[in-house]
Each structure stands twice: as C-alpha cells, then as structure tokens.
Amino acid sequence: MTEFLVTIHTDKKLLKHLLTPKIVVDAYGYSIIPVELRCDHCEERIGVNGRPAGYALFDAEKLWEVLCENCKRRFHPNKPVYSSITEALKHET
C-alpha cells in the first residue's frame, strides 16, 4: 500500500479524531490544550469548515502528518486524494 491523502473536512471521523483536545501531564499537574489544526510543515492554520483547506497523509499503518493546500502541492503533488479513509482503503488495498 502506498501513501495517500484524505481531505480533512470530508471525513467526519477523522475530523473528530484530529479535533479531540489533548491532555498534557507534567510536574505541575495537567493542562488541556485546545485543538487548532496547523500544517506540520509550515505551521499555517488549517480551517475545518467551508472550502477544502487541509489534508491528512496516511500510509497502510498510520497517520503521518497534516498538510495545508500549499504544502500538499509542494511535497505530495502526485499522491491520490480521497474524501474518506474508508474510500482510500477500498482503492489502495
């Protein structure tokens, strides 16, 4: 199986997973970090409503990174893009 991209705003399960707040525990207690999606390459904020703005890069085993439109075009221009993980797995297996 090769790497593929899934548009974040069209896969509701993926979006819910990515938007789940993170809890960080340290010596002082814990903090809940609100979720704000940012590109793993350039740190641009990725919107989750409206027009397509972000992609999740997967391979057969895991989610590798979240990308904005510009970084997707720059680093992964020829990767297939799917609207959901379910759709991707039907085509990629």
PDB file of N, CA and C in Angstrom:
ATOM      1  N   MET A   1       0.841  -1.182   0.000  1.00  0.00           N
ATOM      2  CA  MET A   1       0.000   0.000   0.000  1.00  0.00           C
ATOM      3  C   MET A   1       0.884   1.241   0.000  1.00  0.00           C
ATOM      4  N   THR A   2       0.497   2.200  -0.772  1.00  0.00           N
ATOM      5  CA  THR A   2       1.263   3.431  -0.874  1.00  0.00           C
ATOM      6  C   THR A   2       0.697   4.499   0.052  1.00  0.00           C
ATOM      7  N   GLU A   3       1.350   5.639   0.058  1.00  0.00           N
ATOM      8  CA  GLU A   3       0.835   6.772   0.824  1.00  0.00           C
ATOM      9  C   GLU A   3      -0.324   7.407   0.069  1.00  0.00           C
ATOM     10  N   PHE A   4      -1.276   7.965   0.818  1.00  0.00           N
ATOM     11  CA  PHE A   4      -2.410   8.648   0.217  1.00  0.00           C
ATOM     12  C   PHE A   4      -2.846   9.786   1.123  1.00  0.00           C
ATOM     13  N   LEU A   5      -3.622  10.693   0.561  1.00  0.00           N
ATOM     14  CA  LEU A   5      -4.121  11.847   1.295  1.00  0.00           C
ATOM     15  C   LEU A   5      -5.634  11.749   1.454  1.00  0.00           C
ATOM     16  N   VAL A   6      -6.128  12.250   2.589  1.00  0.00           N
ATOM     17  CA  VAL A   6      -7.562  12.326   2.831  1.00  0.00           C
ATOM     18  C   VAL A   6      -7.879  13.773   3.172  1.00  0.00           C
ATOM     19  N   THR A   7      -8.882  14.342   2.504  1.00  0.00           N
ATOM     20  CA  THR A   7      -9.270  15.709   2.836  1.00  0.00           C
ATOM     21  C   THR A   7      -9.911  15.711   4.219  1.00  0.00           C
ATOM     22  N   ILE A   8      -9.429  16.583   5.069  1.00  0.00           N
ATOM     23  CA  ILE A   8      -9.852  16.596   6.462  1.00  0.00           C
ATOM     24  C   ILE A   8     -11.327  16.934   6.628  1.00  0.00           C
ATOM     25  N   HIS A   9     -11.821  17.901   5.903  1.00  0.00           N
ATOM     26  CA  HIS A   9     -13.191  18.364   6.129  1.00  0.00           C
ATOM     27  C   HIS A   9     -14.270  17.412   5.608  1.00  0.00           C
ATOM     28  N   THR A  10     -13.922  16.398   4.817  1.00  0.00           N
ATOM     29  CA  THR A  10     -14.936  15.494   4.278  1.00  0.00           C
ATOM     30  C   THR A  10     -15.047  14.171   5.042  1.00  0.00           C
ATOM     31  N   ASP A  11     -14.103  13.871   5.909  1.00  0.00           N
ATOM     32  CA  ASP A  11     -14.152  12.635   6.695  1.00  0.00           C
ATOM     33  C   ASP A  11     -14.453  13.004   8.148  1.00  0.00           C
ATOM     34  N   LYS A  12     -15.700  12.841   8.551  1.00  0.00           N
ATOM     35  CA  LYS A  12     -16.140  13.285   9.879  1.00  0.00           C
ATOM     36  C   LYS A  12     -15.443  12.539  11.018  1.00  0.00           C
ATOM     37  N   LYS A  13     -15.162  11.249  10.854  1.00  0.00           N
ATOM     38  CA  LYS A  13     -14.454  10.505  11.907  1.00  0.00           C
ATOM     39  C   LYS A  13     -13.025  11.008  12.062  1.00  0.00           C
ATOM     40  N   LEU A  14     -12.371  11.254  10.956  1.00  0.00           N
ATOM     41  CA  LEU A  14     -11.009  11.794  11.003  1.00  0.00           C
ATOM     42  C   LEU A  14     -11.013  13.173  11.637  1.00  0.00           C
ATOM     43  N   LEU A  15     -11.955  14.005  11.252  1.00  0.00           N
ATOM     44  CA  LEU A  15     -12.048  15.353  11.799  1.00  0.00           C
ATOM     45  C   LEU A  15     -12.257  15.308  13.304  1.00  0.00           C
ATOM     46  N   LYS A  16     -13.134  14.439  13.767  1.00  0.00           N
ATOM     47  CA  LYS A  16     -13.372  14.303  15.208  1.00  0.00           C
ATOM     48  C   LYS A  16     -12.092  13.870  15.922  1.00  0.00           C
ATOM     49  N   HIS A  17     -11.367  12.921  15.337  1.00  0.00           N
ATOM     50  CA  HIS A  17     -10.109  12.460  15.930  1.00  0.00           C
ATOM     51  C   HIS A  17      -9.086  13.603  16.026  1.00  0.00           C
ATOM     52  N   LEU A  18      -8.952  14.361  14.962  1.00  0.00           N
ATOM     53  CA  LEU A  18      -7.974  15.450  14.936  1.00  0.00           C
ATOM     54  C   LEU A  18      -8.355  16.603  15.844  1.00  0.00           C
ATOM     55  N   LEU A  19      -9.637  16.786  16.089  1.00  0.00           N
ATOM     56  CA  LEU A  19     -10.099  17.908  16.908  1.00  0.00           C
ATOM     57  C   LEU A  19     -10.302  17.556  18.381  1.00  0.00           C
ATOM     58  N   THR A  20      -9.966  16.350  18.780  1.00  0.00           N
ATOM     59  CA  THR A  20     -10.069  15.967  20.180  1.00  0.00           C
ATOM     60  C   THR A  20      -8.973  16.690  20.974  1.00  0.00           C
ATOM     61  N   PRO A  21      -9.356  17.423  22.024  1.00  0.00           N
ATOM     62  CA  PRO A  21      -8.332  18.141  22.813  1.00  0.00           C
ATOM     63  C   PRO A  21      -7.306  17.180  23.394  1.00  0.00           C
ATOM     64  N   LYS A  22      -6.100  17.667  23.535  1.00  0.00           N
ATOM     65  CA  LYS A  22      -5.003  16.876  24.095  1.00  0.00           C
ATOM     66  C   LYS A  22      -4.821  17.241  25.565  1.00  0.00           C
ATOM     67  N   ILE A  23      -4.487  16.258  26.376  1.00  0.00           N
ATOM     68  CA  ILE A  23      -4.201  16.493  27.788  1.00  0.00           C
ATOM     69  C   ILE A  23      -2.710  16.256  28.004  1.00  0.00           C
ATOM     70  N   VAL A  24      -2.039  17.254  28.565  1.00  0.00           N
ATOM     71  CA  VAL A  24      -0.611  17.159  28.828  1.00  0.00           C
ATOM     72  C   VAL A  24      -0.414  17.142  30.339  1.00  0.00           C
ATOM     73  N   VAL A  25       0.271  16.114  30.823  1.00  0.00           N
ATOM     74  CA  VAL A  25       0.545  15.976  32.251  1.00  0.00           C
ATOM     75  C   VAL A  25       2.017  16.271  32.482  1.00  0.00           C
ATOM     76  N   ASP A  26       2.292  17.149  33.458  1.00  0.00           N
ATOM     77  CA  ASP A  26       3.679  17.452  33.817  1.00  0.00           C
ATOM     78  C   ASP A  26       3.791  17.520  35.335  1.00  0.00           C
ATOM     79  N   ALA A  27       4.924  17.968  35.830  1.00  0.00           N
ATOM     80  CA  ALA A  27       5.176  18.014  37.272  1.00  0.00           C
ATOM     81  C   ALA A  27       4.218  18.951  38.006  1.00  0.00           C
ATOM     82  N   TYR A  28       3.608  19.888  37.300  1.00  0.00           N
ATOM     83  CA  TYR A  28       2.721  20.873  37.916  1.00  0.00           C
ATOM     84  C   TYR A  28       1.246  20.490  37.853  1.00  0.00           C
ATOM     85  N   GLY A  29       0.953  19.387  37.248  1.00  0.00           N
ATOM     86  CA  GLY A  29      -0.436  18.973  37.098  1.00  0.00           C
ATOM     87  C   GLY A  29      -0.733  18.636  35.652  1.00  0.00           C
ATOM     88  N   TYR A  30      -1.877  19.049  35.180  1.00  0.00           N
ATOM     89  CA  TYR A  30      -2.222  18.772  33.788  1.00  0.00           C
ATOM     90  C   TYR A  30      -2.809  20.020  33.135  1.00  0.00           C
ATOM     91  N   SER A  31      -2.720  20.043  31.825  1.00  0.00           N
ATOM     92  CA  SER A  31      -3.297  21.122  31.027  1.00  0.00           C
ATOM     93  C   SER A  31      -4.063  20.496  29.875  1.00  0.00           C
ATOM     94  N   ILE A  32      -5.184  21.096  29.563  1.00  0.00           N
ATOM     95  CA  ILE A  32      -5.936  20.671  28.391  1.00  0.00           C
ATOM     96  C   ILE A  32      -5.615  21.668  27.287  1.00  0.00           C
ATOM     97  N   ILE A  33      -5.060  21.155  26.210  1.00  0.00           N
ATOM     98  CA  ILE A  33      -4.660  22.003  25.100  1.00  0.00           C
ATOM     99  C   ILE A  33      -5.780  22.013  24.067  1.00  0.00           C
ATOM    100  N   PRO A  34      -6.361  23.188  23.826  1.00  0.00           N
ATOM    101  CA  PRO A  34      -7.407  23.233  22.799  1.00  0.00           C
ATOM    102  C   PRO A  34      -6.832  22.897  21.436  1.00  0.00           C
ATOM    103  N   VAL A  35      -7.676  22.372  20.600  1.00  0.00           N
ATOM    104  CA  VAL A  35      -7.215  21.924  19.291  1.00  0.00           C
ATOM    105  C   VAL A  35      -7.287  23.061  18.279  1.00  0.00           C
ATOM    106  N   GLU A  36      -6.191  23.213  17.574  1.00  0.00           N
ATOM    107  CA  GLU A  36      -6.137  24.109  16.437  1.00  0.00           C
ATOM    108  C   GLU A  36      -5.279  23.389  15.417  1.00  0.00           C
ATOM    109  N   LEU A  37      -5.859  23.056  14.286  1.00  0.00           N
ATOM    110  CA  LEU A  37      -5.091  22.320  13.295  1.00  0.00           C
ATOM    111  C   LEU A  37      -4.128  23.252  12.575  1.00  0.00           C
ATOM    112  N   ARG A  38      -2.875  22.818  12.500  1.00  0.00           N
ATOM    113  CA  ARG A  38      -1.842  23.558  11.795  1.00  0.00           C
ATOM    114  C   ARG A  38      -1.058  22.595  10.920  1.00  0.00           C
ATOM    115  N   CYS A  39      -0.566  23.109   9.818  1.00  0.00           N
ATOM    116  CA  CYS A  39       0.252  22.316   8.903  1.00  0.00           C
ATOM    117  C   CYS A  39       1.530  21.886   9.619  1.00  0.00           C
ATOM    118  N   ASP A  40       1.878  20.619   9.493  1.00  0.00           N
ATOM    119  CA  ASP A  40       3.091  20.108  10.133  1.00  0.00           C
ATOM    120  C   ASP A  40       4.369  20.623   9.472  1.00  0.00           C
ATOM    121  N   HIS A  41       4.246  21.194   8.277  1.00  0.00           N
ATOM    122  CA  HIS A  41       5.428  21.727   7.591  1.00  0.00           C
ATOM    123  C   HIS A  41       5.623  23.217   7.841  1.00  0.00           C
ATOM    124  N   CYS A  42       4.590  24.013   7.577  1.00  0.00           N
ATOM    125  CA  CYS A  42       4.764  25.474   7.607  1.00  0.00           C
ATOM    126  C   CYS A  42       4.038  26.155   8.759  1.00  0.00           C
ATOM    127  N   GLU A  43       3.288  25.411   9.565  1.00  0.00           N
ATOM    128  CA  GLU A  43       2.552  25.932  10.720  1.00  0.00           C
ATOM    129  C   GLU A  43       1.342  26.796  10.355  1.00  0.00           C
ATOM    130  N   GLU A  44       0.952  26.819   9.065  1.00  0.00           N
ATOM    131  CA  GLU A  44      -0.240  27.582   8.678  1.00  0.00           C
ATOM    132  C   GLU A  44      -1.465  26.961   9.318  1.00  0.00           C
ATOM    133  N   ARG A  45      -2.368  27.809   9.791  1.00  0.00           N
ATOM    134  CA  ARG A  45      -3.606  27.330  10.392  1.00  0.00           C
ATOM    135  C   ARG A  45      -4.462  26.676   9.307  1.00  0.00           C
ATOM    136  N   ILE A  46      -5.047  25.533   9.634  1.00  0.00           N
ATOM    137  CA  ILE A  46      -5.891  24.799   8.701  1.00  0.00           C
ATOM    138  C   ILE A  46      -7.330  24.900   9.160  1.00  0.00           C
ATOM    139  N   GLY A  47      -8.162  25.469   8.324  1.00  0.00           N
ATOM    140  CA  GLY A  47      -9.581  25.566   8.622  1.00  0.00           C
ATOM    141  C   GLY A  47     -10.251  24.216   8.433  1.00  0.00           C
ATOM    142  N   VAL A  48     -11.310  23.993   9.174  1.00  0.00           N
ATOM    143  CA  VAL A  48     -12.008  22.709   9.071  1.00  0.00           C
ATOM    144  C   VAL A  48     -13.419  22.862   8.536  1.00  0.00           C
ATOM    145  N   ASN A  49     -13.878  24.079   8.357  1.00  0.00           N
ATOM    146  CA  ASN A  49     -15.206  24.332   7.799  1.00  0.00           C
ATOM    147  C   ASN A  49     -15.049  25.033   6.458  1.00  0.00           C
ATOM    148  N   GLY A  50     -16.061  24.902   5.626  1.00  0.00           N
ATOM    149  CA  GLY A  50     -16.032  25.615   4.355  1.00  0.00           C
ATOM    150  C   GLY A  50     -15.207  24.909   3.307  1.00  0.00           C
ATOM    151  N   ARG A  51     -14.425  25.685   2.575  1.00  0.00           N
ATOM    152  CA  ARG A  51     -13.654  25.143   1.459  1.00  0.00           C
ATOM    153  C   ARG A  51     -12.552  24.196   1.939  1.00  0.00           C
ATOM    154  N   PRO A  52     -12.160  23.248   1.105  1.00  0.00           N
ATOM    155  CA  PRO A  52     -11.077  22.343   1.483  1.00  0.00           C
ATOM    156  C   PRO A  52      -9.804  23.129   1.793  1.00  0.00           C
ATOM    157  N   ALA A  53      -9.210  22.826   2.905  1.00  0.00           N
ATOM    158  CA  ALA A  53      -8.009  23.560   3.292  1.00  0.00           C
ATOM    159  C   ALA A  53      -6.914  22.652   3.816  1.00  0.00           C
ATOM    160  N   GLY A  54      -7.230  21.421   4.176  1.00  0.00           N
ATOM    161  CA  GLY A  54      -6.218  20.577   4.773  1.00  0.00           C
ATOM    162  C   GLY A  54      -6.351  19.123   4.383  1.00  0.00           C
ATOM    163  N   TYR A  55      -5.229  18.436   4.531  1.00  0.00           N
ATOM    164  CA  TYR A  55      -5.141  17.026   4.151  1.00  0.00           C
ATOM    165  C   TYR A  55      -4.395  16.265   5.236  1.00  0.00           C
ATOM    166  N   ALA A  56      -4.745  15.003   5.384  1.00  0.00           N
ATOM    167  CA  ALA A  56      -4.030  14.101   6.284  1.00  0.00           C
ATOM    168  C   ALA A  56      -3.303  13.077   5.408  1.00  0.00           C
ATOM    169  N   LEU A  57      -2.004  12.907   5.656  1.00  0.00           N
ATOM    170  CA  LEU A  57      -1.199  11.951   4.904  1.00  0.00           C
ATOM    171  C   LEU A  57      -1.133  10.640   5.666  1.00  0.00           C
ATOM    172  N   PHE A  58      -1.530   9.564   5.011  1.00  0.00           N
ATOM    173  CA  PHE A  58      -1.546   8.229   5.608  1.00  0.00           C
ATOM    174  C   PHE A  58      -0.695   7.267   4.795  1.00  0.00           C
ATOM    175  N   ASP A  59      -0.305   6.181   5.457  1.00  0.00           N
ATOM    176  CA  ASP A  59       0.168   5.004   4.742  1.00  0.00           C
ATOM    177  C   ASP A  59      -0.660   3.843   5.281  1.00  0.00           C
ATOM    178  N   ALA A  60      -0.248   2.649   5.055  1.00  0.00           N
ATOM    179  CA  ALA A  60      -1.047   1.484   5.458  1.00  0.00           C
ATOM    180  C   ALA A  60      -1.231   1.376   6.964  1.00  0.00           C
ATOM    181  N   GLU A  61      -0.347   1.984   7.730  1.00  0.00           N
ATOM    182  CA  GLU A  61      -0.380   1.758   9.157  1.00  0.00           C
ATOM    183  C   GLU A  61      -0.754   2.954  10.015  1.00  0.00           C
ATOM    184  N   LYS A  62      -0.498   4.187   9.540  1.00  0.00           N
ATOM    185  CA  LYS A  62      -0.771   5.307  10.432  1.00  0.00           C
ATOM    186  C   LYS A  62      -0.899   6.643   9.701  1.00  0.00           C
ATOM    187  N   LEU A  63      -1.366   7.598  10.483  1.00  0.00           N
ATOM    188  CA  LEU A  63      -1.418   8.986  10.048  1.00  0.00           C
ATOM    189  C   LEU A  63      -0.031   9.580  10.231  1.00  0.00           C
ATOM    190  N   TRP A  64       0.520  10.147   9.170  1.00  0.00           N
ATOM    191  CA  TRP A  64       1.873  10.697   9.236  1.00  0.00           C
ATOM    192  C   TRP A  64       1.894  12.179   9.549  1.00  0.00           C
ATOM    193  N   GLU A  65       1.070  12.963   8.849  1.00  0.00           N
ATOM    194  CA  GLU A  65       1.108  14.398   9.068  1.00  0.00           C
ATOM    195  C   GLU A  65      -0.144  15.054   8.521  1.00  0.00           C
ATOM    196  N   VAL A  66      -0.338  16.302   8.926  1.00  0.00           N
ATOM    197  CA  VAL A  66      -1.432  17.130   8.450  1.00  0.00           C
ATOM    198  C   VAL A  66      -0.819  18.237   7.608  1.00  0.00           C
ATOM    199  N   LEU A  67      -1.414  18.492   6.442  1.00  0.00           N
ATOM    200  CA  LEU A  67      -0.834  19.445   5.491  1.00  0.00           C
ATOM    201  C   LEU A  67      -1.842  20.490   5.041  1.00  0.00           C
ATOM    202  N   CYS A  68      -1.337  21.704   4.799  1.00  0.00           N
ATOM    203  CA  CYS A  68      -2.160  22.733   4.171  1.00  0.00           C
ATOM    204  C   CYS A  68      -2.135  22.510   2.656  1.00  0.00           C
ATOM    205  N   GLU A  69      -2.941  23.260   1.942  1.00  0.00           N
ATOM    206  CA  GLU A  69      -3.016  23.123   0.485  1.00  0.00           C
ATOM    207  C   GLU A  69      -1.665  23.381  -0.186  1.00  0.00           C
ATOM    208  N   ASN A  70      -0.964  24.428   0.242  1.00  0.00           N
ATOM    209  CA  ASN A  70       0.321  24.768  -0.382  1.00  0.00           C
ATOM    210  C   ASN A  70       1.375  23.683  -0.177  1.00  0.00           C
ATOM    211  N   CYS A  71       1.471  23.147   1.027  1.00  0.00           N
ATOM    212  CA  CYS A  71       2.469  22.105   1.299  1.00  0.00           C
ATOM    213  C   CYS A  71       2.090  20.785   0.628  1.00  0.00           C
ATOM    214  N   LYS A  72       0.787  20.532   0.499  1.00  0.00           N
ATOM    215  CA  LYS A  72       0.349  19.343  -0.244  1.00  0.00           C
ATOM    216  C   LYS A  72       0.836  19.430  -1.681  1.00  0.00           C
ATOM    217  N   ARG A  73       0.641  20.601  -2.312  1.00  0.00           N
ATOM    218  CA  ARG A  73       1.100  20.783  -3.694  1.00  0.00           C
ATOM    219  C   ARG A  73       2.622  20.718  -3.786  1.00  0.00           C
ATOM    220  N   ARG A  74       3.306  21.235  -2.798  1.00  0.00           N
ATOM    221  CA  ARG A  74       4.780  21.282  -2.823  1.00  0.00           C
ATOM    222  C   ARG A  74       5.419  19.919  -2.567  1.00  0.00           C
ATOM    223  N   PHE A  75       4.957  19.207  -1.549  1.00  0.00           N
ATOM    224  CA  PHE A  75       5.624  17.975  -1.120  1.00  0.00           C
ATOM    225  C   PHE A  75       4.968  16.675  -1.606  1.00  0.00           C
ATOM    226  N   HIS A  76       3.684  16.720  -1.915  1.00  0.00           N
ATOM    227  CA  HIS A  76       2.966  15.499  -2.298  1.00  0.00           C
ATOM    228  C   HIS A  76       2.015  15.749  -3.467  1.00  0.00           C
ATOM    229  N   PRO A  77       2.511  16.305  -4.558  1.00  0.00           N
ATOM    230  CA  PRO A  77       1.614  16.683  -5.656  1.00  0.00           C
ATOM    231  C   PRO A  77       0.965  15.507  -6.381  1.00  0.00           C
ATOM    232  N   ASN A  78       1.581  14.348  -6.343  1.00  0.00           N
ATOM    233  CA  ASN A  78       1.069  13.214  -7.123  1.00  0.00           C
ATOM    234  C   ASN A  78       0.406  12.131  -6.282  1.00  0.00           C
ATOM    235  N   LYS A  79       0.240  12.384  -4.998  1.00  0.00           N
ATOM    236  CA  LYS A  79      -0.409  11.395  -4.136  1.00  0.00           C
ATOM    237  C   LYS A  79      -1.913  11.413  -4.401  1.00  0.00           C
ATOM    238  N   PRO A  80      -2.551  10.250  -4.404  1.00  0.00           N
ATOM    239  CA  PRO A  80      -4.004  10.215  -4.582  1.00  0.00           C
ATOM    240  C   PRO A  80      -4.706  10.873  -3.393  1.00  0.00           C
ATOM    241  N   VAL A  81      -5.819  11.555  -3.661  1.00  0.00           N
ATOM    242  CA  VAL A  81      -6.592  12.245  -2.632  1.00  0.00           C
ATOM    243  C   VAL A  81      -7.984  11.625  -2.576  1.00  0.00           C
ATOM    244  N   TYR A  82      -8.418  11.269  -1.370  1.00  0.00           N
ATOM    245  CA  TYR A  82      -9.720  10.651  -1.155  1.00  0.00           C
ATOM    246  C   TYR A  82     -10.540  11.494  -0.185  1.00  0.00           C
ATOM    247  N   SER A  83     -11.847  11.304  -0.201  1.00  0.00           N
ATOM    248  CA  SER A  83     -12.718  12.073   0.679  1.00  0.00           C
ATOM    249  C   SER A  83     -12.895  11.419   2.050  1.00  0.00           C
ATOM    250  N   SER A  84     -12.462  10.159   2.193  1.00  0.00           N
ATOM    251  CA  SER A  84     -12.537   9.490   3.494  1.00  0.00           C
ATOM    252  C   SER A  84     -11.501   8.366   3.551  1.00  0.00           C
ATOM    253  N   ILE A  85     -11.202   7.952   4.752  1.00  0.00           N
ATOM    254  CA  ILE A  85     -10.269   6.838   4.929  1.00  0.00           C
ATOM    255  C   ILE A  85     -10.890   5.558   4.363  1.00  0.00           C
ATOM    256  N   THR A  86     -12.196   5.385   4.551  1.00  0.00           N
ATOM    257  CA  THR A  86     -12.888   4.212   4.024  1.00  0.00           C
ATOM    258  C   THR A  86     -12.749   4.136   2.512  1.00  0.00           C
ATOM    259  N   GLU A  87     -12.966   5.246   1.832  1.00  0.00           N
ATOM    260  CA  GLU A  87     -12.819   5.274   0.377  1.00  0.00           C
ATOM    261  C   GLU A  87     -11.382   4.951  -0.030  1.00  0.00           C
ATOM    262  N   ALA A  88     -10.418   5.504   0.682  1.00  0.00           N
ATOM    263  CA  ALA A  88      -8.998   5.270   0.366  1.00  0.00           C
ATOM    264  C   ALA A  88      -8.653   3.793   0.506  1.00  0.00           C
ATOM    265  N   LEU A  89      -9.108   3.160   1.566  1.00  0.00           N
ATOM    266  CA  LEU A  89      -8.785   1.751   1.786  1.00  0.00           C
ATOM    267  C   LEU A  89      -9.407   0.846   0.727  1.00  0.00           C
ATOM    268  N   LYS A  90     -10.563   1.218   0.196  1.00  0.00           N
ATOM    269  CA  LYS A  90     -11.177   0.443  -0.893  1.00  0.00           C
ATOM    270  C   LYS A  90     -10.298   0.480  -2.147  1.00  0.00           C
ATOM    271  N   HIS A  91      -9.691   1.629  -2.416  1.00  0.00           N
ATOM    272  CA  HIS A  91      -8.886   1.797  -3.615  1.00  0.00           C
ATOM    273  C   HIS A  91      -7.437   1.342  -3.444  1.00  0.00           C
ATOM    274  N   GLU A  92      -6.919   1.468  -2.243  1.00  0.00           N
ATOM    275  CA  GLU A  92      -5.498   1.225  -2.009  1.00  0.00           C
ATOM    276  C   GLU A  92      -5.171  -0.221  -1.639  1.00  0.00           C
ATOM    277  N   THR A  93      -6.166  -1.020  -1.283  1.00  0.00           N
ATOM    278  CA  THR A  93      -5.857  -2.408  -0.893  1.00  0.00           C
ATOM    279  C   THR A  93      -6.059  -3.353  -2.038  1.00  0.00           C
TER     280      THR A  93
END
